C-alpha atoms as a PDB file:
ATOM      1  CA  SER A   1      -3.889   0.359 -16.988  1.00  0.00           C
ATOM      2  CA  THR A   2      -5.037   1.461 -13.564  1.00  0.00           C
ATOM      3  CA  ALA A   3      -5.294  -2.132 -12.335  1.00  0.00           C
ATOM      4  CA  LYS A   4      -1.698  -2.818 -13.332  1.00  0.00           C
ATOM      5  CA  ALA A   5      -0.510   0.443 -11.724  1.00  0.00           C
ATOM      6  CA  ASP A   6      -2.358  -0.420  -8.496  1.00  0.00           C
ATOM      7  CA  SER A   7      -0.854  -3.904  -8.543  1.00  0.00           C
ATOM      8  CA  THR A   8       2.648  -2.453  -8.926  1.00  0.00           C
ATOM      9  CA  LYS A   9       2.027   0.063  -6.123  1.00  0.00           C
ATOM     10  CA  ALA A  10       0.650  -2.715  -3.905  1.00  0.00           C
ATOM     11  CA  LEU A  11       3.799  -4.764  -4.477  1.00  0.00           C
ATOM     12  CA  ALA A  12       5.947  -1.733  -3.635  1.00  0.00           C
ATOM     13  CA  CYS A  13       3.953  -1.200  -0.429  1.00  0.00           C
ATOM     14  CA  ARG A  14       4.362  -4.872   0.496  1.00  0.00           C
ATOM     15  CA  VAL A  15       8.126  -4.654   0.003  1.00  0.00           C
ATOM     16  CA  LEU A  16       8.265  -1.444   2.057  1.00  0.00           C
ATOM     17  CA  SER A  17       6.108  -2.931   4.808  1.00  0.00           C
ATOM     18  CA  ASN A  18       8.273  -6.042   5.004  1.00  0.00           C
ATOM     19  CA  PHE A  19      11.413  -3.903   4.978  1.00  0.00           C
ATOM     20  CA  ILE A  20      10.387  -1.943   8.065  1.00  0.00           C
ATOM     21  CA  GLN A  21       8.580  -4.715   9.961  1.00  0.00           C
ATOM     22  CA  GLY A  22      10.416  -5.495  13.175  1.00  0.00           C
ATOM     23  CA  LYS A  23      13.194  -3.051  12.369  1.00  0.00           C
ATOM     24  CA  SER A  24      14.718  -0.235  14.321  1.00  0.00           C
ATOM     25  CA  ASP A  25      14.150   3.439  13.730  1.00  0.00           C
ATOM     26  CA  ASN A  26      17.253   3.415  11.510  1.00  0.00           C
ATOM     27  CA  PHE A  27      15.052   1.726   8.904  1.00  0.00           C
ATOM     28  CA  ILE A  28      11.826   3.584   9.640  1.00  0.00           C
ATOM     29  CA  ALA A  29      13.121   7.165   9.787  1.00  0.00           C
ATOM     30  CA  PRO A  30      14.219   7.206   6.103  1.00  0.00           C
ATOM     31  CA  VAL A  31      10.746   6.039   5.066  1.00  0.00           C
ATOM     32  CA  ILE A  32       9.339   9.108   6.775  1.00  0.00           C
ATOM     33  CA  THR A  33      11.976  11.651   5.712  1.00  0.00           C
ATOM     34  CA  SER A  34      12.098  10.472   2.088  1.00  0.00           C
ATOM     35  CA  GLY A  35       8.421  11.184   1.520  1.00  0.00           C
ATOM     36  CA  LEU A  36       7.401   7.541   1.221  1.00  0.00           C
ATOM     37  CA  LEU A  37       5.041   7.879   4.182  1.00  0.00           C
ATOM     38  CA  ASP A  38       3.412  10.847   2.419  1.00  0.00           C
ATOM     39  CA  ALA A  39       2.915   8.730  -0.706  1.00  0.00           C
ATOM     40  CA  VAL A  40       1.430   5.848   1.270  1.00  0.00           C
ATOM     41  CA  CYS A  41      -0.938   8.164   3.120  1.00  0.00           C
ATOM     42  CA  ALA A  42      -1.989   9.716  -0.198  1.00  0.00           C
ATOM     43  CA  VAL A  43      -2.886   6.245  -1.472  1.00  0.00           C
ATOM     44  CA  LEU A  44      -4.990   5.599   1.622  1.00  0.00           C
ATOM     45  CA  SER A  45      -6.683   8.997   1.333  1.00  0.00           C
ATOM     46  CA  ASP A  46      -7.731   8.310  -2.254  1.00  0.00           C
ATOM     47  CA  GLY A  47     -11.005   6.748  -1.135  1.00  0.00           C
ATOM     48  CA  GLY A  48     -12.783   4.587  -3.665  1.00  0.00           C
ATOM     49  CA  ASN A  49     -10.146   5.066  -6.345  1.00  0.00           C
ATOM     50  CA  THR A  50      -7.755   2.597  -4.713  1.00  0.00           C
ATOM     51  CA  SER A  51      -7.911  -1.150  -5.237  1.00  0.00           C
ATOM     52  CA  PRO A  52      -8.536  -3.263  -2.123  1.00  0.00           C
ATOM     53  CA  GLU A  53      -5.117  -4.914  -2.529  1.00  0.00           C
ATOM     54  CA  LEU A  54      -3.311  -1.574  -2.672  1.00  0.00           C
ATOM     55  CA  LYS A  55      -5.280  -0.209   0.270  1.00  0.00           C
ATOM     56  CA  ARG A  56      -4.449  -3.322   2.341  1.00  0.00           C
ATOM     57  CA  GLU A  57      -0.719  -3.162   1.605  1.00  0.00           C
ATOM     58  CA  ALA A  58      -0.537   0.593   2.215  1.00  0.00           C
ATOM     59  CA  ALA A  59      -2.336   0.158   5.534  1.00  0.00           C
ATOM     60  CA  TRP A  60       0.280  -2.360   6.633  1.00  0.00           C
ATOM     61  CA  VAL A  61       3.045   0.173   5.949  1.00  0.00           C
ATOM     62  CA  VAL A  62       1.350   2.691   8.236  1.00  0.00           C
ATOM     63  CA  VAL A  63       0.661   0.115  10.937  1.00  0.00           C
ATOM     64  CA  ASN A  64       4.201  -1.268  10.851  1.00  0.00           C
ATOM     65  CA  ILE A  65       5.535   2.244  11.345  1.00  0.00           C
ATOM     66  CA  THR A  66       3.304   2.603  14.403  1.00  0.00           C
ATOM     67  CA  VAL A  67       4.285  -0.833  15.742  1.00  0.00           C
ATOM     68  CA  ASP A  68       8.038  -0.607  15.352  1.00  0.00           C
ATOM     69  CA  GLY A  69       8.671   3.118  15.239  1.00  0.00           C
ATOM     70  CA  ASP A  70       9.621   5.353  18.112  1.00  0.00           C
ATOM     71  CA  LYS A  71       7.528   8.259  19.369  1.00  0.00           C
ATOM     72  CA  GLN A  72       8.673  10.482  16.503  1.00  0.00           C
ATOM     73  CA  ALA A  73       7.600   7.886  13.937  1.00  0.00           C
ATOM     74  CA  LYS A  74       4.165   7.546  15.535  1.00  0.00           C
ATOM     75  CA  MET A  75       3.852  11.320  15.675  1.00  0.00           C
ATOM     76  CA  ALA A  76       4.789  11.488  11.979  1.00  0.00           C
ATOM     77  CA  VAL A  77       1.955   9.090  11.129  1.00  0.00           C
ATOM     78  CA  ALA A  78      -0.457  11.158  13.220  1.00  0.00           C
ATOM     79  CA  SER A  79       0.711  14.387  11.556  1.00  0.00           C
ATOM     80  CA  LYS A  80       0.087  12.893   8.097  1.00  0.00           C
ATOM     81  CA  ASN A  81      -3.607  12.509   8.923  1.00  0.00           C
ATOM     82  CA  GLY A  82      -2.904   8.937   9.988  1.00  0.00           C
ATOM     83  CA  VAL A  83      -5.643   8.800  12.610  1.00  0.00           C
ATOM     84  CA  ALA A  84      -8.309   9.860  10.104  1.00  0.00           C
ATOM     85  CA  ILE A  85      -6.916   7.462   7.506  1.00  0.00           C
ATOM     86  CA  LEU A  86      -6.992   4.539   9.937  1.00  0.00           C
ATOM     87  CA  CYS A  87     -10.491   5.513  11.087  1.00  0.00           C
ATOM     88  CA  GLY A  88     -11.565   5.465   7.441  1.00  0.00           C
ATOM     89  CA  LEU A  89     -10.348   1.872   7.180  1.00  0.00           C
ATOM     90  CA  MET A  90     -12.796   0.951   9.940  1.00  0.00           C
ATOM     91  CA  LYS A  91     -15.543   1.126   7.282  1.00  0.00           C
ATOM     92  CA  ASP A  92     -13.874  -1.573   5.183  1.00  0.00           C
ATOM     93  CA  PRO A  93     -16.025  -4.665   4.664  1.00  0.00           C
ATOM     94  CA  ASP A  94     -12.965  -6.881   5.212  1.00  0.00           C
ATOM     95  CA  PRO A  95     -12.672  -7.657   8.947  1.00  0.00           C
ATOM     96  CA  GLN A  96      -8.901  -8.078   8.581  1.00  0.00           C
ATOM     97  CA  GLU A  97      -8.617  -4.462   7.435  1.00  0.00           C
ATOM     98  CA  VAL A  98     -10.582  -3.329  10.466  1.00  0.00           C
ATOM     99  CA  ILE A  99      -8.214  -5.270  12.739  1.00  0.00           C
ATOM    100  CA  VAL A 100      -5.205  -3.687  11.025  1.00  0.00           C
ATOM    101  CA  ALA A 101      -6.737  -0.239  11.451  1.00  0.00           C
ATOM    102  CA  LEU A 102      -7.466  -0.890  15.137  1.00  0.00           C
ATOM    103  CA  GLU A 103      -3.887  -2.000  15.730  1.00  0.00           C
ATOM    104  CA  GLY A 104      -2.508   1.158  14.177  1.00  0.00           C
ATOM    105  CA  LEU A 105      -4.941   3.363  16.089  1.00  0.00           C
ATOM    106  CA  GLY A 106      -4.079   1.606  19.331  1.00  0.00           C
ATOM    107  CA  ASN A 107      -0.389   2.237  18.747  1.00  0.00           C
ATOM    108  CA  ILE A 108      -0.952   5.935  18.092  1.00  0.00           C
ATOM    109  CA  LEU A 109      -3.304   6.263  21.055  1.00  0.00           C
ATOM    110  CA  SER A 110      -0.750   4.572  23.328  1.00  0.00           C
ATOM    111  CA  LEU A 111       1.631   7.363  22.370  1.00  0.00           C
ATOM    112  CA  GLU A 112      -0.969   9.946  23.295  1.00  0.00           C
ATOM    113  CA  ALA A 113      -1.575   8.205  26.623  1.00  0.00           C
ATOM    114  CA  SER A 114       2.141   8.155  27.388  1.00  0.00           C
ATOM    115  CA  LYS A 115       2.397  11.873  26.554  1.00  0.00           C
ATOM    116  CA  LEU A 116      -0.427  12.594  28.974  1.00  0.00           C
ATOM    117  CA  SER A 117       1.189  10.636  31.790  1.00  0.00           C
ATOM    118  CA  ALA A 118       4.641  12.138  31.218  1.00  0.00           C
END
């Protein structure tokens, strides 16, 4: 069933998010190069066809990449339509999701600000 598939994907996203949280780029880079970031972004771009649990866990993967990743990791998120995806989460009725989205956007925007001042 779709609910069971979403639940399994949400668990996978949670494991991935926990795996990269607080880690160095040695852990984050393979998530990007393996295509996992693409898959997570596809889940978040699916709109109303994604369960709230799956959307929440996928959002944490993206945000953790922007928190702990280097400039290349943040640029990878941005290049995968990450800014638009995070902006889309701003419409979520759950205030926690909005906070998560703001954190990710802030991390990407800090990269842009540092590029401008460099």
